[in-house]
Every structure is written in structure tokens, then in C-alpha cells.
N, C-alpha and C. Protein backbone atom coordinates (compact mmCIF):
# COMPACT_ATOMS: atom_id res chain seq x y z
N MET A 1 0.88 -1.08 -0.13
CA MET A 1 0.02 -0.13 -0.16
C MET A 1 0.87 1.18 0.06
N ALA A 2 0.41 2.16 -0.77
CA ALA A 2 1.23 3.65 -1.11
C ALA A 2 1.06 4.25 0.15
N ALA A 3 1.94 4.84 0.44
CA ALA A 3 2.14 5.95 1.50
C ALA A 3 1.17 7.43 0.89
N SER A 4 0.66 7.98 1.87
CA SER A 4 -0.09 9.12 1.48
C SER A 4 1.06 10.42 1.38
N ARG A 5 0.75 11.19 0.11
CA ARG A 5 1.77 12.09 -0.03
C ARG A 5 1.24 13.87 0.68
N LEU A 6 0.63 13.42 1.49
CA LEU A 6 -0.12 14.54 2.26
C LEU A 6 0.69 14.78 3.57
N PRO A 7 1.23 15.76 4.17
CA PRO A 7 1.88 15.77 5.30
C PRO A 7 0.79 15.42 6.40
N PRO A 8 1.35 15.02 7.55
CA PRO A 8 0.49 14.38 8.77
C PRO A 8 -0.42 15.54 9.40
N ALA A 9 0.13 16.83 9.07
CA ALA A 9 -0.93 17.79 9.68
C ALA A 9 -2.18 18.24 8.95
N THR A 10 -2.09 17.70 7.72
CA THR A 10 -3.19 18.21 6.59
C THR A 10 -4.51 17.59 7.10
N LEU A 11 -5.52 19.00 7.08
CA LEU A 11 -6.81 18.65 7.87
C LEU A 11 -7.58 18.07 6.67
N THR A 12 -8.61 17.34 7.55
CA THR A 12 -9.46 16.65 6.44
C THR A 12 -10.39 17.84 6.27
N LEU A 13 -11.25 17.36 5.26
CA LEU A 13 -12.57 18.12 4.51
C LEU A 13 -13.38 18.88 5.72
N LYS A 14 -14.11 17.67 6.47
CA LYS A 14 -14.47 18.33 7.65
C LYS A 14 -14.07 19.12 8.59
N GLN A 15 -12.65 19.14 8.84
CA GLN A 15 -11.77 19.96 9.77
C GLN A 15 -11.73 21.10 8.93
N PHE A 16 -11.50 21.20 7.76
CA PHE A 16 -11.18 22.62 7.00
C PHE A 16 -12.53 23.52 6.91
N LEU A 17 -13.63 22.69 6.59
CA LEU A 17 -15.00 23.54 6.88
C LEU A 17 -15.20 23.87 8.31
N ARG A 18 -14.76 23.20 9.19
CA ARG A 18 -15.29 23.69 10.70
C ARG A 18 -14.49 24.95 10.83
N ARG A 19 -12.83 24.97 10.23
CA ARG A 19 -12.12 26.04 10.56
C ARG A 19 -12.63 27.13 10.09
N GLN A 20 -13.21 26.91 8.64
CA GLN A 20 -13.84 28.12 8.03
C GLN A 20 -14.93 28.74 8.66
N GLN A 21 -15.73 28.20 9.24
CA GLN A 21 -16.79 28.52 9.91
C GLN A 21 -16.36 29.22 11.59
N VAL A 22 -15.07 28.79 12.29
CA VAL A 22 -14.81 29.46 13.10
C VAL A 22 -14.16 31.00 12.86
N LEU A 23 -13.55 30.93 11.42
CA LEU A 23 -12.63 32.14 11.18
C LEU A 23 -13.67 32.94 10.75
N LEU A 24 -14.73 32.54 10.00
CA LEU A 24 -15.79 33.59 9.71
C LEU A 24 -16.65 34.19 11.00
N LEU A 25 -17.03 33.21 11.91
CA LEU A 25 -17.25 33.73 13.13
C LEU A 25 -16.60 34.83 13.73
N TYR A 26 -15.46 34.64 13.99
CA TYR A 26 -14.34 35.38 14.48
C TYR A 26 -14.46 36.72 13.71
N ARG A 27 -14.47 36.86 12.36
CA ARG A 27 -14.46 37.84 11.58
C ARG A 27 -15.81 38.73 11.66
N ARG A 28 -17.06 38.05 12.09
CA ARG A 28 -18.33 38.72 12.03
C ARG A 28 -18.14 39.19 13.50
N ILE A 29 -17.49 38.87 14.39
CA ILE A 29 -17.71 39.24 15.91
C ILE A 29 -17.00 40.66 15.82
N LEU A 30 -15.76 40.63 15.27
CA LEU A 30 -14.93 41.85 15.04
C LEU A 30 -15.59 42.71 14.53
N GLN A 31 -16.30 42.51 13.57
CA GLN A 31 -16.87 43.37 12.84
C GLN A 31 -17.90 44.13 13.52
N ALA A 32 -18.86 43.40 14.16
CA ALA A 32 -19.61 43.96 15.21
C ALA A 32 -19.14 44.64 16.29
N ILE A 33 -18.12 44.39 16.73
CA ILE A 33 -17.41 45.03 17.67
C ILE A 33 -16.74 46.30 17.03
N ARG A 34 -16.63 46.40 16.05
CA ARG A 34 -16.03 47.99 15.50
C ARG A 34 -17.45 48.95 15.57
N GLN A 35 -18.67 48.53 15.56
CA GLN A 35 -19.81 49.29 15.88
C GLN A 35 -20.01 49.66 17.25
N VAL A 36 -19.30 49.66 18.30
CA VAL A 36 -19.70 50.02 19.42
C VAL A 36 -19.07 51.03 19.56
N PRO A 37 -19.83 52.17 20.42
CA PRO A 37 -19.43 53.31 20.07
C PRO A 37 -18.45 53.84 21.09
N ASP A 38 -18.39 53.45 22.14
CA ASP A 38 -17.38 53.62 23.27
C ASP A 38 -16.02 52.89 23.32
N ASP A 39 -15.06 53.70 23.02
CA ASP A 39 -13.72 53.08 22.73
C ASP A 39 -13.22 52.17 23.67
N SER A 40 -13.39 52.29 25.29
CA SER A 40 -13.04 51.40 25.95
C SER A 40 -13.80 49.82 26.13
N ASP A 41 -15.12 50.13 25.95
CA ASP A 41 -16.02 49.09 25.71
C ASP A 41 -15.58 48.24 24.65
N ARG A 42 -15.16 49.03 23.22
CA ARG A 42 -14.73 48.28 22.05
C ARG A 42 -13.20 47.52 22.13
N ARG A 43 -12.48 48.22 23.13
CA ARG A 43 -11.52 47.63 23.25
C ARG A 43 -11.64 46.39 24.18
N TYR A 44 -12.21 46.54 25.39
CA TYR A 44 -12.86 45.20 26.08
C TYR A 44 -13.23 44.28 25.34
N LEU A 45 -14.15 44.33 24.64
CA LEU A 45 -15.00 43.30 23.55
C LEU A 45 -13.97 42.82 23.04
N LYS A 46 -13.25 43.47 22.30
CA LYS A 46 -12.12 42.77 21.35
C LYS A 46 -11.13 41.92 22.02
N ASP A 47 -10.48 42.55 23.04
CA ASP A 47 -9.75 41.47 23.93
C ASP A 47 -10.07 40.32 24.23
N TRP A 48 -11.69 40.59 24.96
CA TRP A 48 -12.37 39.25 25.27
C TRP A 48 -12.36 38.27 24.10
N ALA A 49 -12.94 38.82 22.83
CA ALA A 49 -13.10 37.59 21.85
C ALA A 49 -11.87 37.36 21.37
N ARG A 50 -10.80 37.89 21.49
CA ARG A 50 -9.47 37.37 20.87
C ARG A 50 -9.19 36.19 22.17
N GLU A 51 -9.05 36.67 23.26
CA GLU A 51 -8.99 35.52 24.41
C GLU A 51 -9.52 34.35 24.40
N GLU A 52 -10.90 34.56 24.20
CA GLU A 52 -11.69 33.26 24.17
C GLU A 52 -11.51 32.31 22.82
N PHE A 53 -11.27 33.02 21.64
CA PHE A 53 -10.56 32.38 20.48
C PHE A 53 -9.44 31.47 21.02
N LYS A 54 -8.55 32.26 21.55
CA LYS A 54 -7.10 31.68 22.03
C LYS A 54 -7.11 30.48 22.86
N ARG A 55 -8.12 30.57 23.91
CA ARG A 55 -8.39 29.80 24.75
C ARG A 55 -8.82 28.62 24.42
N ASN A 56 -9.72 28.60 23.39
CA ASN A 56 -10.36 27.41 22.95
C ASN A 56 -9.62 27.06 21.43
N LYS A 57 -8.62 27.41 21.17
CA LYS A 57 -7.69 27.03 19.91
C LYS A 57 -7.29 25.82 19.80
N SER A 58 -7.25 25.19 20.91
CA SER A 58 -6.67 23.48 20.85
C SER A 58 -7.83 22.61 21.22
N ALA A 59 -8.91 23.00 20.86
CA ALA A 59 -10.06 22.11 20.99
C ALA A 59 -10.14 21.24 19.88
N THR A 60 -10.39 19.87 19.91
CA THR A 60 -10.51 19.08 18.70
C THR A 60 -11.81 18.15 18.53
N GLU A 61 -12.56 18.24 19.69
CA GLU A 61 -13.65 17.11 19.40
C GLU A 61 -14.93 17.75 18.76
N GLU A 62 -15.10 17.32 17.89
CA GLU A 62 -16.20 17.75 16.89
C GLU A 62 -17.48 18.33 17.58
N ASP A 63 -18.18 17.69 18.81
CA ASP A 63 -19.15 18.19 19.55
C ASP A 63 -18.84 19.43 20.19
N THR A 64 -17.90 19.58 20.70
CA THR A 64 -17.53 20.71 21.63
C THR A 64 -17.33 21.91 20.56
N ILE A 65 -16.47 21.52 19.48
CA ILE A 65 -16.35 22.65 18.45
C ILE A 65 -17.78 23.31 17.92
N ARG A 66 -18.60 22.43 17.79
CA ARG A 66 -19.80 22.61 17.34
C ARG A 66 -20.84 23.43 18.21
N MET A 67 -20.66 22.86 19.51
CA MET A 67 -21.33 23.73 20.76
C MET A 67 -20.96 25.35 20.57
N MET A 68 -19.44 25.45 20.72
CA MET A 68 -18.77 26.57 20.95
C MET A 68 -18.98 27.50 19.64
N ILE A 69 -19.22 27.26 18.59
CA ILE A 69 -19.94 27.70 17.21
C ILE A 69 -21.06 28.15 17.63
N THR A 70 -22.08 27.18 18.12
CA THR A 70 -23.40 27.68 18.44
C THR A 70 -23.35 28.82 19.50
N GLN A 71 -22.68 28.65 20.61
CA GLN A 71 -22.53 29.72 21.46
C GLN A 71 -22.27 30.92 21.16
N GLY A 72 -21.21 30.90 20.37
CA GLY A 72 -20.41 32.12 19.50
C GLY A 72 -21.65 32.84 18.82
N ASN A 73 -22.43 32.29 17.85
CA ASN A 73 -23.29 32.66 17.01
C ASN A 73 -24.72 33.46 18.03
N MET A 74 -24.92 32.81 18.96
CA MET A 74 -25.79 33.46 19.80
C MET A 74 -25.39 34.53 20.71
N GLN A 75 -23.92 34.66 21.05
CA GLN A 75 -23.35 35.77 21.33
C GLN A 75 -23.35 36.94 20.43
N LEU A 76 -23.11 36.77 19.24
CA LEU A 76 -22.95 37.68 18.24
C LEU A 76 -24.48 38.19 18.04
N LYS A 77 -25.72 37.29 17.82
CA LYS A 77 -26.71 37.75 17.71
C LYS A 77 -27.09 38.88 18.74
N GLU A 78 -26.77 38.72 20.34
CA GLU A 78 -27.31 39.43 21.27
C GLU A 78 -26.39 40.80 21.15
N LEU A 79 -25.09 40.75 20.97
CA LEU A 79 -24.17 41.98 20.53
C LEU A 79 -24.92 42.96 19.55
N GLN A 80 -25.29 42.34 18.22
CA GLN A 80 -25.92 42.88 17.46
C GLN A 80 -27.12 43.60 17.60
N LYS A 81 -28.14 42.91 18.28
CA LYS A 81 -29.26 43.08 18.86
C LYS A 81 -29.00 44.61 19.92
N THR A 82 -28.31 44.21 20.70
CA THR A 82 -27.88 45.34 21.72
C THR A 82 -27.33 46.54 20.93
N LEU A 83 -26.67 46.31 19.84
CA LEU A 83 -25.88 47.83 18.83
C LEU A 83 -27.25 48.00 18.22
N ALA A 84 -28.21 47.28 17.94
CA ALA A 84 -29.41 48.01 17.27
C ALA A 84 -30.34 48.77 18.03
N LEU A 85 -30.51 48.42 19.12
CA LEU A 85 -31.16 49.02 19.92
C LEU A 85 -30.45 50.49 20.78
N ALA A 86 -29.13 50.10 20.75
CA ALA A 86 -28.70 51.48 21.07
C ALA A 86 -28.49 52.69 20.26
N LYS A 87 -28.76 52.35 18.75
CA LYS A 87 -28.94 53.17 17.56
C LYS A 87 -30.33 53.97 17.62
N SER A 88 -31.00 53.04 18.17
CA SER A 88 -32.66 53.62 17.77
C SER A 88 -32.79 54.43 19.05
């Protein structure tokens, strides 16, 4: 049987797609944070988001990653709702 030509650290398709979801979520959170009017709040939220993603960077279990993405999307929606209310 021939050995695979891919390096051992190559992501599977499922891992690649999940990684793309995480990166998209991170970008969307940062975009929402940019709309926060107060500079100190904006800085706090940006640091918080960065630390959360760094803290969970080593997660490998599929169910855990899916749950974190779901929680991140819910927190993003809450932030967007709060920002929308603040503007009105």
C-alpha cells in the first residue's frame, strides 16, 4: 500500500470546513465590535473575543467545536441586537 503524499498535519475536509466556520464567526464578531461607540468598551470586547478564541484554539472534539460555534453565534446575535437598540 502506498503512503499518502499529504503531510501528517493536513486537515480533513470536515476539519477544513469547521475551521472556515470558526474564522468567519471571528471576523463577524470583530466587525460587530467595531460598531460599539465607546472606545473602552470596544477595546474590552475585542480583547475578550481574542482571548476566548485563543483559549479554545486547541479544541479538537467535533461536538465541542460545534457547541462553541453555536454559542458564539448566539453571543454575536445578542451583541448585534444590543447595538441595534443603542442606535434607535
